[in-house]
Amino acid sequence: MRIIRTHEDIEAGLAGLIMLDARLEHVVAKAGPVPLRRTDPGYRGIANIIVSQMVSKASAAAIWRRMEAALGEISPDAVLSLGDEDCRQFGLSRAKADTLRRVAAAAVAGEIDLDAICNAEAAVAIHELTAIKGVGRWTAEVYLLFCAGHPDVFPSGDVALQNAIGHALEFDLRPTASEIDSLATCWSPWRSVAARLFWAYYAQEMRRDALPVTP
């Protein structure tokens, strides 16, 4: 498994995608530079993804700044020390606070190793992550994509990706997650680069915030 670590890996993936699907050549041309957007694996990485779900980039950044100001290091022990009122003051919903705590508790108890899971096959890693209540497929896939650098994961439930694919490939209606799952099989083993490509296309051609967006 080739880990996506550098911009050279992105370029190799884009070249591979064009060979797999000629339709993507014009997507690459219109998308402009495709960002790497890697972050370190571990609790901090998945916590940031959970905080970012279903809110604007600005709102997520503000919540994260408040958490860092109060806690310093965003660690499992630090999050488990928070009370409900602390979480409300940060701007966290009850559901997000509960998910952050469950992941923290699983990490502290040794039920999941967020670093080691990065070396697992995608299906295995997704199964282990989504076994934690509140962690859905999208969260697991985005963690593998950006924190693990997994080369072959495509978060088909992401609304920005659905819109970008529908626009770029001229669908009459926005494709569903199941339709994208089927479509993306032909982009293997570079599905993670394809996801980055369509987020970049979304930002460039549709002039929208290119953060991953859940349904």
N, C-alpha and C. Protein backbone atom coordinates (compact mmCIF):
# COMPACT_ATOMS: atom_id res chain seq x y z
N MET A 1 0.84 -1.19 0.00
CA MET A 1 0.00 0.00 0.00
C MET A 1 0.88 1.24 0.00
N ARG A 2 0.69 2.09 -1.00
CA ARG A 2 1.49 3.32 -1.11
C ARG A 2 0.80 4.42 -0.31
N ILE A 3 1.44 4.86 0.76
CA ILE A 3 0.89 5.92 1.59
C ILE A 3 1.02 7.26 0.87
N ILE A 4 -0.01 8.09 0.96
CA ILE A 4 0.03 9.44 0.37
C ILE A 4 0.71 10.36 1.38
N ARG A 5 1.98 10.64 1.12
CA ARG A 5 2.78 11.44 2.05
C ARG A 5 3.19 12.80 1.48
N THR A 6 3.33 12.89 0.18
CA THR A 6 3.93 14.08 -0.44
C THR A 6 3.10 14.54 -1.64
N HIS A 7 3.43 15.73 -2.12
CA HIS A 7 2.78 16.23 -3.34
C HIS A 7 3.16 15.37 -4.54
N GLU A 8 4.33 14.75 -4.49
CA GLU A 8 4.73 13.84 -5.57
C GLU A 8 3.79 12.64 -5.62
N ASP A 9 3.36 12.18 -4.45
CA ASP A 9 2.39 11.08 -4.42
C ASP A 9 1.06 11.51 -5.05
N ILE A 10 0.66 12.74 -4.78
CA ILE A 10 -0.57 13.26 -5.39
C ILE A 10 -0.43 13.29 -6.91
N GLU A 11 0.70 13.77 -7.40
CA GLU A 11 0.91 13.85 -8.84
C GLU A 11 0.89 12.46 -9.47
N ALA A 12 1.50 11.50 -8.80
CA ALA A 12 1.49 10.13 -9.31
C ALA A 12 0.06 9.60 -9.35
N GLY A 13 -0.71 9.91 -8.31
CA GLY A 13 -2.09 9.47 -8.27
C GLY A 13 -2.94 10.10 -9.36
N LEU A 14 -2.74 11.38 -9.63
CA LEU A 14 -3.50 12.05 -10.68
C LEU A 14 -3.18 11.45 -12.05
N ALA A 15 -1.91 11.18 -12.29
CA ALA A 15 -1.54 10.54 -13.56
C ALA A 15 -2.18 9.17 -13.68
N GLY A 16 -2.19 8.43 -12.57
CA GLY A 16 -2.81 7.11 -12.56
C GLY A 16 -4.30 7.19 -12.80
N LEU A 17 -4.96 8.19 -12.22
CA LEU A 17 -6.40 8.34 -12.39
C LEU A 17 -6.78 8.64 -13.84
N ILE A 18 -5.99 9.48 -14.50
CA ILE A 18 -6.28 9.79 -15.90
C ILE A 18 -6.15 8.55 -16.76
N MET A 19 -5.19 7.69 -16.43
CA MET A 19 -5.05 6.44 -17.18
C MET A 19 -6.24 5.51 -16.93
N LEU A 20 -6.79 5.56 -15.71
CA LEU A 20 -7.92 4.70 -15.37
C LEU A 20 -9.24 5.22 -15.92
N ASP A 21 -9.38 6.54 -15.98
CA ASP A 21 -10.65 7.15 -16.39
C ASP A 21 -10.33 8.44 -17.15
N ALA A 22 -10.41 8.41 -18.46
CA ALA A 22 -10.03 9.55 -19.29
C ALA A 22 -10.88 10.79 -19.00
N ARG A 23 -12.09 10.60 -18.46
CA ARG A 23 -12.94 11.75 -18.13
C ARG A 23 -12.30 12.67 -17.10
N LEU A 24 -11.40 12.13 -16.32
CA LEU A 24 -10.81 12.93 -15.24
C LEU A 24 -9.73 13.90 -15.73
N GLU A 25 -9.32 13.77 -16.97
CA GLU A 25 -8.29 14.68 -17.48
C GLU A 25 -8.78 16.12 -17.43
N HIS A 26 -10.02 16.35 -17.83
CA HIS A 26 -10.52 17.72 -17.82
C HIS A 26 -10.80 18.18 -16.38
N VAL A 27 -11.11 17.26 -15.48
CA VAL A 27 -11.30 17.61 -14.07
C VAL A 27 -9.97 18.08 -13.48
N VAL A 28 -8.91 17.35 -13.78
CA VAL A 28 -7.58 17.74 -13.31
C VAL A 28 -7.21 19.11 -13.86
N ALA A 29 -7.50 19.36 -15.13
CA ALA A 29 -7.16 20.64 -15.75
C ALA A 29 -7.89 21.80 -15.09
N LYS A 30 -9.15 21.59 -14.70
CA LYS A 30 -9.95 22.67 -14.12
C LYS A 30 -9.75 22.84 -12.62
N ALA A 31 -9.32 21.79 -11.94
CA ALA A 31 -9.25 21.83 -10.47
C ALA A 31 -8.10 22.68 -9.96
N GLY A 32 -7.05 22.82 -10.76
CA GLY A 32 -5.87 23.52 -10.26
C GLY A 32 -5.08 22.66 -9.31
N PRO A 33 -4.19 23.24 -8.51
CA PRO A 33 -3.38 22.46 -7.58
C PRO A 33 -4.25 21.64 -6.62
N VAL A 34 -3.88 20.40 -6.43
CA VAL A 34 -4.62 19.51 -5.53
C VAL A 34 -3.85 19.42 -4.22
N PRO A 35 -4.41 19.96 -3.13
CA PRO A 35 -3.67 20.00 -1.85
C PRO A 35 -3.45 18.61 -1.26
N LEU A 36 -2.35 18.48 -0.52
CA LEU A 36 -2.05 17.24 0.19
C LEU A 36 -2.92 17.11 1.44
N ARG A 37 -2.94 18.15 2.25
CA ARG A 37 -3.79 18.21 3.44
C ARG A 37 -3.63 17.01 4.36
N ARG A 38 -2.39 16.70 4.72
CA ARG A 38 -2.14 15.63 5.68
C ARG A 38 -2.03 16.22 7.08
N THR A 39 -2.46 15.46 8.06
CA THR A 39 -2.28 15.82 9.46
C THR A 39 -1.88 14.57 10.22
N ASP A 40 -1.29 14.75 11.39
CA ASP A 40 -0.79 13.61 12.14
C ASP A 40 -1.93 12.72 12.63
N PRO A 41 -1.73 11.40 12.61
CA PRO A 41 -2.74 10.50 13.17
C PRO A 41 -2.78 10.59 14.68
N GLY A 42 -3.77 9.98 15.26
CA GLY A 42 -3.92 9.98 16.71
C GLY A 42 -5.21 10.66 17.13
N TYR A 43 -5.36 10.83 18.44
CA TYR A 43 -6.62 11.37 18.95
C TYR A 43 -6.88 12.79 18.46
N ARG A 44 -5.88 13.63 18.46
CA ARG A 44 -6.06 15.01 18.02
C ARG A 44 -6.62 15.05 16.59
N GLY A 45 -6.11 14.18 15.73
CA GLY A 45 -6.55 14.18 14.34
C GLY A 45 -8.01 13.83 14.21
N ILE A 46 -8.44 12.75 14.85
CA ILE A 46 -9.85 12.36 14.72
C ILE A 46 -10.76 13.32 15.46
N ALA A 47 -10.29 13.91 16.55
CA ALA A 47 -11.09 14.89 17.27
C ALA A 47 -11.37 16.10 16.38
N ASN A 48 -10.39 16.54 15.63
CA ASN A 48 -10.57 17.68 14.74
C ASN A 48 -11.60 17.37 13.66
N ILE A 49 -11.58 16.16 13.15
CA ILE A 49 -12.56 15.74 12.14
C ILE A 49 -13.97 15.74 12.74
N ILE A 50 -14.11 15.22 13.95
CA ILE A 50 -15.42 15.18 14.60
C ILE A 50 -15.95 16.60 14.83
N VAL A 51 -15.08 17.49 15.29
CA VAL A 51 -15.49 18.89 15.53
C VAL A 51 -15.94 19.55 14.24
N SER A 52 -15.31 19.19 13.11
CA SER A 52 -15.58 19.86 11.84
C SER A 52 -16.85 19.40 11.14
N GLN A 53 -17.45 18.33 11.61
CA GLN A 53 -18.62 17.77 10.93
C GLN A 53 -19.80 18.73 10.96
N MET A 54 -20.39 18.95 9.78
CA MET A 54 -21.67 19.64 9.63
C MET A 54 -21.67 21.07 10.17
N VAL A 55 -20.50 21.70 10.22
CA VAL A 55 -20.43 23.12 10.55
C VAL A 55 -19.51 23.79 9.53
N SER A 56 -19.57 25.10 9.46
CA SER A 56 -18.71 25.82 8.54
C SER A 56 -17.27 25.73 8.98
N LYS A 57 -16.37 26.02 8.05
CA LYS A 57 -14.94 26.04 8.37
C LYS A 57 -14.65 27.03 9.48
N ALA A 58 -15.30 28.20 9.43
CA ALA A 58 -15.06 29.24 10.45
C ALA A 58 -15.56 28.78 11.82
N SER A 59 -16.73 28.15 11.85
CA SER A 59 -17.27 27.68 13.13
C SER A 59 -16.40 26.59 13.74
N ALA A 60 -15.96 25.65 12.89
CA ALA A 60 -15.10 24.58 13.38
C ALA A 60 -13.79 25.14 13.94
N ALA A 61 -13.22 26.10 13.23
CA ALA A 61 -11.96 26.70 13.69
C ALA A 61 -12.14 27.42 15.03
N ALA A 62 -13.28 28.10 15.19
CA ALA A 62 -13.54 28.82 16.44
C ALA A 62 -13.69 27.85 17.61
N ILE A 63 -14.43 26.76 17.39
CA ILE A 63 -14.59 25.75 18.44
C ILE A 63 -13.23 25.16 18.81
N TRP A 64 -12.42 24.85 17.80
CA TRP A 64 -11.12 24.24 18.05
C TRP A 64 -10.20 25.18 18.82
N ARG A 65 -10.25 26.47 18.49
CA ARG A 65 -9.43 27.45 19.22
C ARG A 65 -9.84 27.51 20.69
N ARG A 66 -11.13 27.47 20.96
CA ARG A 66 -11.58 27.50 22.35
C ARG A 66 -11.12 26.25 23.10
N MET A 67 -11.17 25.11 22.43
CA MET A 67 -10.72 23.88 23.07
C MET A 67 -9.22 23.95 23.37
N GLU A 68 -8.44 24.40 22.41
CA GLU A 68 -7.00 24.50 22.62
C GLU A 68 -6.66 25.49 23.72
N ALA A 69 -7.38 26.60 23.76
CA ALA A 69 -7.11 27.61 24.79
C ALA A 69 -7.38 27.05 26.18
N ALA A 70 -8.41 26.23 26.30
CA ALA A 70 -8.77 25.68 27.60
C ALA A 70 -7.94 24.46 27.98
N LEU A 71 -7.61 23.63 27.01
CA LEU A 71 -6.98 22.34 27.30
C LEU A 71 -5.49 22.30 27.00
N GLY A 72 -5.04 23.19 26.12
CA GLY A 72 -3.66 23.07 25.65
C GLY A 72 -3.60 21.94 24.64
N GLU A 73 -3.15 20.79 25.07
CA GLU A 73 -3.10 19.62 24.19
C GLU A 73 -4.47 18.95 24.13
N ILE A 74 -4.93 18.67 22.91
CA ILE A 74 -6.21 17.95 22.75
C ILE A 74 -5.90 16.46 22.83
N SER A 75 -6.04 15.93 24.01
CA SER A 75 -5.69 14.52 24.27
C SER A 75 -6.90 13.81 24.86
N PRO A 76 -6.90 12.47 24.85
CA PRO A 76 -8.01 11.74 25.46
C PRO A 76 -8.25 12.11 26.91
N ASP A 77 -7.19 12.17 27.70
CA ASP A 77 -7.35 12.50 29.13
C ASP A 77 -7.93 13.90 29.31
N ALA A 78 -7.46 14.84 28.49
CA ALA A 78 -7.95 16.22 28.62
C ALA A 78 -9.43 16.29 28.28
N VAL A 79 -9.85 15.61 27.23
CA VAL A 79 -11.26 15.64 26.83
C VAL A 79 -12.13 14.94 27.87
N LEU A 80 -11.64 13.85 28.44
CA LEU A 80 -12.42 13.15 29.46
C LEU A 80 -12.57 13.96 30.74
N SER A 81 -11.74 14.98 30.91
CA SER A 81 -11.85 15.85 32.10
C SER A 81 -12.92 16.92 31.96
N LEU A 82 -13.48 17.07 30.76
CA LEU A 82 -14.44 18.14 30.50
C LEU A 82 -15.82 17.80 31.05
N GLY A 83 -16.49 18.81 31.54
CA GLY A 83 -17.89 18.67 31.92
C GLY A 83 -18.80 19.11 30.79
N ASP A 84 -20.08 18.87 30.97
CA ASP A 84 -21.04 19.25 29.93
C ASP A 84 -21.04 20.75 29.67
N GLU A 85 -20.90 21.55 30.72
CA GLU A 85 -20.92 23.00 30.55
C GLU A 85 -19.67 23.46 29.78
N ASP A 86 -18.53 22.83 30.04
CA ASP A 86 -17.32 23.15 29.27
C ASP A 86 -17.57 22.95 27.79
N CYS A 87 -18.16 21.83 27.45
CA CYS A 87 -18.40 21.50 26.04
C CYS A 87 -19.37 22.49 25.41
N ARG A 88 -20.39 22.89 26.15
CA ARG A 88 -21.35 23.88 25.63
C ARG A 88 -20.65 25.21 25.37
N GLN A 89 -19.78 25.60 26.27
CA GLN A 89 -19.07 26.87 26.09
C GLN A 89 -18.14 26.84 24.89
N PHE A 90 -17.60 25.69 24.57
CA PHE A 90 -16.78 25.57 23.37
C PHE A 90 -17.62 25.70 22.10
N GLY A 91 -18.91 25.40 22.21
CA GLY A 91 -19.77 25.38 21.04
C GLY A 91 -20.03 23.99 20.51
N LEU A 92 -19.65 22.97 21.27
CA LEU A 92 -19.87 21.60 20.86
C LEU A 92 -21.32 21.18 21.10
N SER A 93 -21.91 20.50 20.14
CA SER A 93 -23.23 19.91 20.37
C SER A 93 -23.09 18.75 21.34
N ARG A 94 -24.21 18.32 21.90
CA ARG A 94 -24.18 17.18 22.83
C ARG A 94 -23.67 15.94 22.10
N ALA A 95 -24.11 15.75 20.86
CA ALA A 95 -23.71 14.55 20.12
C ALA A 95 -22.20 14.55 19.88
N LYS A 96 -21.64 15.69 19.50
CA LYS A 96 -20.20 15.74 19.25
C LYS A 96 -19.41 15.54 20.53
N ALA A 97 -19.85 16.16 21.60
CA ALA A 97 -19.16 15.99 22.88
C ALA A 97 -19.17 14.53 23.30
N ASP A 98 -20.31 13.87 23.14
CA ASP A 98 -20.39 12.46 23.50
C ASP A 98 -19.47 11.61 22.63
N THR A 99 -19.39 11.91 21.34
CA THR A 99 -18.52 11.13 20.45
C THR A 99 -17.05 11.35 20.81
N LEU A 100 -16.68 12.59 21.07
CA LEU A 100 -15.30 12.87 21.47
C LEU A 100 -14.93 12.09 22.74
N ARG A 101 -15.86 12.02 23.67
CA ARG A 101 -15.60 11.31 24.92
C ARG A 101 -15.51 9.80 24.69
N ARG A 102 -16.38 9.26 23.84
CA ARG A 102 -16.35 7.82 23.59
C ARG A 102 -15.04 7.41 22.91
N VAL A 103 -14.60 8.19 21.96
CA VAL A 103 -13.33 7.88 21.30
C VAL A 103 -12.18 8.01 22.29
N ALA A 104 -12.23 9.03 23.13
CA ALA A 104 -11.20 9.22 24.15
C ALA A 104 -11.17 8.04 25.12
N ALA A 105 -12.35 7.61 25.57
CA ALA A 105 -12.42 6.49 26.51
C ALA A 105 -11.90 5.21 25.87
N ALA A 106 -12.23 4.99 24.60
CA ALA A 106 -11.75 3.79 23.91
C ALA A 106 -10.23 3.81 23.78
N ALA A 107 -9.67 4.99 23.51
CA ALA A 107 -8.21 5.11 23.39
C ALA A 107 -7.54 4.87 24.73
N VAL A 108 -8.07 5.46 25.80
CA VAL A 108 -7.48 5.29 27.13
C VAL A 108 -7.56 3.84 27.59
N ALA A 109 -8.67 3.18 27.27
CA ALA A 109 -8.86 1.79 27.69
C ALA A 109 -8.08 0.80 26.82
N GLY A 110 -7.45 1.29 25.77
CA GLY A 110 -6.72 0.40 24.87
C GLY A 110 -7.61 -0.38 23.93
N GLU A 111 -8.86 0.05 23.80
CA GLU A 111 -9.78 -0.64 22.90
C GLU A 111 -9.52 -0.31 21.44
N ILE A 112 -8.87 0.81 21.21
CA ILE A 112 -8.50 1.19 19.85
C ILE A 112 -7.16 1.92 19.90
N ASP A 113 -6.31 1.66 18.93
CA ASP A 113 -5.02 2.33 18.79
C ASP A 113 -5.10 3.16 17.52
N LEU A 114 -5.27 4.46 17.67
CA LEU A 114 -5.52 5.33 16.53
C LEU A 114 -4.30 5.51 15.64
N ASP A 115 -3.12 5.18 16.15
CA ASP A 115 -1.92 5.20 15.31
C ASP A 115 -1.78 3.88 14.56
N ALA A 116 -1.91 2.78 15.27
CA ALA A 116 -1.73 1.47 14.64
C ALA A 116 -2.79 1.20 13.59
N ILE A 117 -3.99 1.72 13.79
CA ILE A 117 -5.08 1.45 12.85
C ILE A 117 -4.79 2.03 11.47
N CYS A 118 -3.89 2.99 11.43
CA CYS A 118 -3.53 3.59 10.15
C CYS A 118 -2.83 2.60 9.22
N ASN A 119 -2.29 1.54 9.78
CA ASN A 119 -1.60 0.53 8.96
C ASN A 119 -2.50 -0.63 8.56
N ALA A 120 -3.75 -0.58 9.00
CA ALA A 120 -4.69 -1.66 8.69
C ALA A 120 -5.29 -1.45 7.31
N GLU A 121 -5.84 -2.53 6.74
CA GLU A 121 -6.61 -2.39 5.52
C GLU A 121 -7.82 -1.50 5.79
N ALA A 122 -8.25 -0.78 4.77
CA ALA A 122 -9.30 0.22 4.96
C ALA A 122 -10.56 -0.39 5.58
N ALA A 123 -11.00 -1.53 5.07
CA ALA A 123 -12.24 -2.13 5.58
C ALA A 123 -12.13 -2.48 7.05
N VAL A 124 -10.97 -2.99 7.45
CA VAL A 124 -10.75 -3.35 8.86
C VAL A 124 -10.74 -2.10 9.73
N ALA A 125 -10.02 -1.08 9.29
CA ALA A 125 -9.93 0.15 10.06
C ALA A 125 -11.29 0.81 10.20
N ILE A 126 -12.05 0.86 9.12
CA ILE A 126 -13.38 1.48 9.16
C ILE A 126 -14.29 0.71 10.11
N HIS A 127 -14.21 -0.62 10.07
CA HIS A 127 -15.02 -1.45 10.98
C HIS A 127 -14.68 -1.14 12.44
N GLU A 128 -13.40 -1.04 12.76
CA GLU A 128 -13.00 -0.78 14.14
C GLU A 128 -13.41 0.62 14.59
N LEU A 129 -13.23 1.59 13.73
CA LEU A 129 -13.57 2.97 14.10
C LEU A 129 -15.08 3.13 14.27
N THR A 130 -15.85 2.58 13.35
CA THR A 130 -17.30 2.76 13.43
C THR A 130 -17.95 1.89 14.51
N ALA A 131 -17.18 1.01 15.12
CA ALA A 131 -17.70 0.27 16.27
C ALA A 131 -17.90 1.18 17.47
N ILE A 132 -17.26 2.36 17.45
CA ILE A 132 -17.45 3.35 18.52
C ILE A 132 -18.71 4.15 18.20
N LYS A 133 -19.66 4.17 19.09
CA LYS A 133 -20.91 4.88 18.86
C LYS A 133 -20.64 6.35 18.55
N GLY A 134 -21.24 6.84 17.48
CA GLY A 134 -21.06 8.24 17.08
C GLY A 134 -20.06 8.43 15.98
N VAL A 135 -19.21 7.43 15.76
CA VAL A 135 -18.23 7.51 14.67
C VAL A 135 -18.84 6.80 13.46
N GLY A 136 -19.17 7.56 12.45
CA GLY A 136 -19.77 6.99 11.25
C GLY A 136 -18.73 6.71 10.18
N ARG A 137 -19.23 6.19 9.08
CA ARG A 137 -18.33 5.84 7.97
C ARG A 137 -17.56 7.06 7.48
N TRP A 138 -18.25 8.20 7.35
CA TRP A 138 -17.59 9.41 6.85
C TRP A 138 -16.41 9.79 7.74
N THR A 139 -16.62 9.81 9.04
CA THR A 139 -15.56 10.16 9.98
C THR A 139 -14.38 9.21 9.83
N ALA A 140 -14.67 7.92 9.76
CA ALA A 140 -13.60 6.92 9.63
C ALA A 140 -12.84 7.10 8.32
N GLU A 141 -13.56 7.32 7.24
CA GLU A 141 -12.91 7.45 5.93
C GLU A 141 -12.06 8.71 5.86
N VAL A 142 -12.56 9.81 6.39
CA VAL A 142 -11.79 11.05 6.36
C VAL A 142 -10.54 10.93 7.25
N TYR A 143 -10.67 10.22 8.37
CA TYR A 143 -9.49 9.96 9.21
C TYR A 143 -8.44 9.17 8.44
N LEU A 144 -8.86 8.12 7.75
CA LEU A 144 -7.90 7.32 6.98
C LEU A 144 -7.28 8.12 5.85
N LEU A 145 -8.08 8.97 5.24
CA LEU A 145 -7.60 9.74 4.11
C LEU A 145 -6.55 10.78 4.54
N PHE A 146 -6.90 11.60 5.53
CA PHE A 146 -6.05 12.73 5.88
C PHE A 146 -5.03 12.44 6.97
N CYS A 147 -5.35 11.53 7.89
CA CYS A 147 -4.42 11.24 8.99
C CYS A 147 -3.54 10.03 8.69
N ALA A 148 -4.11 9.03 8.06
CA ALA A 148 -3.34 7.82 7.74
C ALA A 148 -2.65 7.92 6.38
N GLY A 149 -3.17 8.78 5.51
CA GLY A 149 -2.62 8.86 4.15
C GLY A 149 -2.98 7.64 3.32
N HIS A 150 -4.09 6.99 3.66
CA HIS A 150 -4.50 5.80 2.91
C HIS A 150 -4.78 6.20 1.47
N PRO A 151 -4.30 5.42 0.49
CA PRO A 151 -4.42 5.83 -0.90
C PRO A 151 -5.76 5.52 -1.56
N ASP A 152 -6.58 4.68 -0.93
CA ASP A 152 -7.71 4.12 -1.69
C ASP A 152 -9.02 4.16 -0.90
N VAL A 153 -9.35 5.35 -0.40
CA VAL A 153 -10.58 5.55 0.35
C VAL A 153 -11.34 6.71 -0.30
N PHE A 154 -12.65 6.56 -0.46
CA PHE A 154 -13.45 7.64 -1.06
C PHE A 154 -14.69 7.87 -0.21
N PRO A 155 -14.79 9.01 0.48
CA PRO A 155 -15.95 9.29 1.34
C PRO A 155 -17.18 9.67 0.50
N SER A 156 -17.89 8.68 0.01
CA SER A 156 -18.97 8.92 -0.94
C SER A 156 -20.16 9.64 -0.32
N GLY A 157 -20.25 9.65 1.00
CA GLY A 157 -21.34 10.38 1.66
C GLY A 157 -21.09 11.86 1.79
N ASP A 158 -19.94 12.34 1.35
CA ASP A 158 -19.59 13.75 1.47
C ASP A 158 -20.36 14.56 0.43
N VAL A 159 -21.12 15.55 0.89
CA VAL A 159 -21.98 16.32 0.00
C VAL A 159 -21.17 17.13 -1.01
N ALA A 160 -20.04 17.68 -0.60
CA ALA A 160 -19.21 18.44 -1.54
C ALA A 160 -18.72 17.54 -2.67
N LEU A 161 -18.31 16.32 -2.34
CA LEU A 161 -17.87 15.40 -3.38
C LEU A 161 -19.02 15.02 -4.30
N GLN A 162 -20.19 14.79 -3.74
CA GLN A 162 -21.34 14.46 -4.57
C GLN A 162 -21.64 15.59 -5.55
N ASN A 163 -21.63 16.82 -5.05
CA ASN A 163 -21.90 17.96 -5.91
C ASN A 163 -20.82 18.14 -6.97
N ALA A 164 -19.56 17.97 -6.57
CA ALA A 164 -18.46 18.15 -7.51
C ALA A 164 -18.50 17.11 -8.62
N ILE A 165 -18.75 15.87 -8.25
CA ILE A 165 -18.82 14.80 -9.26
C ILE A 165 -20.01 15.02 -10.20
N GLY A 166 -21.15 15.38 -9.61
CA GLY A 166 -22.31 15.66 -10.44
C GLY A 166 -22.06 16.77 -11.44
N HIS A 167 -21.38 17.81 -11.01
CA HIS A 167 -21.08 18.95 -11.87
C HIS A 167 -20.03 18.58 -12.91
N ALA A 168 -18.93 17.98 -12.47
CA ALA A 168 -17.81 17.70 -13.37
C ALA A 168 -18.15 16.65 -14.42
N LEU A 169 -18.91 15.64 -14.01
CA LEU A 169 -19.21 14.54 -14.92
C LEU A 169 -20.62 14.66 -15.53
N GLU A 170 -21.25 15.83 -15.29
CA GLU A 170 -22.50 16.20 -15.95
C GLU A 170 -23.65 15.22 -15.66
N PHE A 171 -23.84 14.92 -14.38
CA PHE A 171 -25.01 14.16 -13.96
C PHE A 171 -26.24 15.07 -14.03
N ASP A 172 -27.39 14.52 -14.33
CA ASP A 172 -28.62 15.30 -14.31
C ASP A 172 -29.00 15.68 -12.88
N LEU A 173 -28.78 14.76 -11.95
CA LEU A 173 -29.05 14.99 -10.54
C LEU A 173 -27.79 14.68 -9.74
N ARG A 174 -27.71 15.27 -8.54
CA ARG A 174 -26.56 14.97 -7.68
C ARG A 174 -26.51 13.48 -7.40
N PRO A 175 -25.38 12.82 -7.69
CA PRO A 175 -25.30 11.38 -7.46
C PRO A 175 -25.41 11.03 -5.98
N THR A 176 -25.98 9.88 -5.71
CA THR A 176 -26.10 9.40 -4.34
C THR A 176 -24.78 8.74 -3.90
N ALA A 177 -24.69 8.48 -2.60
CA ALA A 177 -23.51 7.81 -2.08
C ALA A 177 -23.32 6.44 -2.73
N SER A 178 -24.40 5.71 -2.90
CA SER A 178 -24.27 4.37 -3.50
C SER A 178 -23.84 4.47 -4.96
N GLU A 179 -24.33 5.46 -5.68
CA GLU A 179 -23.90 5.66 -7.06
C GLU A 179 -22.41 6.00 -7.13
N ILE A 180 -21.96 6.81 -6.19
CA ILE A 180 -20.55 7.19 -6.17
C ILE A 180 -19.68 6.01 -5.76
N ASP A 181 -20.15 5.20 -4.82
CA ASP A 181 -19.40 4.00 -4.46
C ASP A 181 -19.14 3.14 -5.69
N SER A 182 -20.17 2.97 -6.51
CA SER A 182 -20.03 2.18 -7.72
C SER A 182 -19.10 2.84 -8.72
N LEU A 183 -19.27 4.14 -8.92
CA LEU A 183 -18.43 4.88 -9.86
C LEU A 183 -16.96 4.85 -9.44
N ALA A 184 -16.72 5.03 -8.14
CA ALA A 184 -15.35 5.17 -7.65
C ALA A 184 -14.54 3.88 -7.70
N THR A 185 -15.20 2.76 -7.91
CA THR A 185 -14.43 1.51 -7.99
C THR A 185 -13.41 1.54 -9.12
N CYS A 186 -13.73 2.26 -10.18
CA CYS A 186 -12.79 2.31 -11.32
C CYS A 186 -11.60 3.23 -11.03
N TRP A 187 -11.64 3.98 -9.93
CA TRP A 187 -10.53 4.87 -9.57
C TRP A 187 -9.56 4.21 -8.59
N SER A 188 -9.85 2.98 -8.20
CA SER A 188 -8.93 2.24 -7.33
C SER A 188 -7.67 1.87 -8.13
N PRO A 189 -6.48 1.98 -7.56
CA PRO A 189 -6.14 2.15 -6.14
C PRO A 189 -5.84 3.60 -5.72
N TRP A 190 -6.45 4.58 -6.43
CA TRP A 190 -6.15 5.98 -6.16
C TRP A 190 -7.39 6.76 -5.72
N ARG A 191 -8.31 6.10 -5.05
CA ARG A 191 -9.56 6.79 -4.71
C ARG A 191 -9.35 7.97 -3.77
N SER A 192 -8.35 7.90 -2.90
CA SER A 192 -8.10 9.03 -2.00
C SER A 192 -7.61 10.25 -2.76
N VAL A 193 -6.84 10.03 -3.81
CA VAL A 193 -6.40 11.15 -4.65
C VAL A 193 -7.59 11.69 -5.44
N ALA A 194 -8.48 10.80 -5.88
CA ALA A 194 -9.69 11.24 -6.58
C ALA A 194 -10.54 12.13 -5.67
N ALA A 195 -10.66 11.77 -4.40
CA ALA A 195 -11.41 12.60 -3.46
C ALA A 195 -10.78 13.97 -3.33
N ARG A 196 -9.47 14.02 -3.18
CA ARG A 196 -8.79 15.32 -3.11
C ARG A 196 -9.01 16.12 -4.39
N LEU A 197 -8.96 15.44 -5.52
CA LEU A 197 -9.17 16.11 -6.80
C LEU A 197 -10.55 16.75 -6.86
N PHE A 198 -11.58 16.03 -6.47
CA PHE A 198 -12.93 16.59 -6.57
C PHE A 198 -13.19 17.66 -5.52
N TRP A 199 -12.56 17.58 -4.35
CA TRP A 199 -12.65 18.70 -3.41
C TRP A 199 -12.00 19.95 -4.00
N ALA A 200 -10.85 19.77 -4.66
CA ALA A 200 -10.18 20.90 -5.29
C ALA A 200 -11.05 21.47 -6.42
N TYR A 201 -11.68 20.60 -7.19
CA TYR A 201 -12.58 21.03 -8.27
C TYR A 201 -13.76 21.81 -7.67
N TYR A 202 -14.28 21.31 -6.58
CA TYR A 202 -15.41 21.97 -5.91
C TYR A 202 -15.03 23.40 -5.51
N ALA A 203 -13.84 23.55 -4.97
CA ALA A 203 -13.39 24.88 -4.54
C ALA A 203 -13.15 25.80 -5.72
N GLN A 204 -12.55 25.28 -6.77
CA GLN A 204 -12.15 26.09 -7.91
C GLN A 204 -13.32 26.41 -8.84
N GLU A 205 -14.09 25.42 -9.21
CA GLU A 205 -15.13 25.60 -10.22
C GLU A 205 -16.49 25.99 -9.64
N MET A 206 -16.74 25.58 -8.42
CA MET A 206 -18.03 25.87 -7.82
C MET A 206 -17.92 26.96 -6.76
N ARG A 207 -16.67 27.40 -6.53
CA ARG A 207 -16.39 28.53 -5.63
C ARG A 207 -16.99 28.34 -4.26
N ARG A 208 -16.77 27.14 -3.73
CA ARG A 208 -17.31 26.82 -2.42
C ARG A 208 -16.19 26.35 -1.51
N ASP A 209 -16.45 26.45 -0.20
CA ASP A 209 -15.52 25.95 0.80
C ASP A 209 -15.27 24.46 0.54
N ALA A 210 -13.99 24.08 0.45
CA ALA A 210 -13.66 22.72 0.05
C ALA A 210 -13.39 21.78 1.23
N LEU A 211 -13.76 22.19 2.44
CA LEU A 211 -13.67 21.23 3.55
C LEU A 211 -14.62 20.07 3.30
N PRO A 212 -14.24 18.87 3.74
CA PRO A 212 -15.20 17.78 3.65
C PRO A 212 -16.51 18.14 4.35
N VAL A 213 -17.62 17.78 3.74
CA VAL A 213 -18.92 18.14 4.26
C VAL A 213 -19.79 16.89 4.38
N THR A 214 -20.30 16.63 5.57
CA THR A 214 -21.16 15.46 5.76
C THR A 214 -22.56 15.75 5.26
N PRO A 215 -23.37 14.70 5.08
CA PRO A 215 -24.75 14.90 4.64
C PRO A 215 -25.53 15.76 5.62
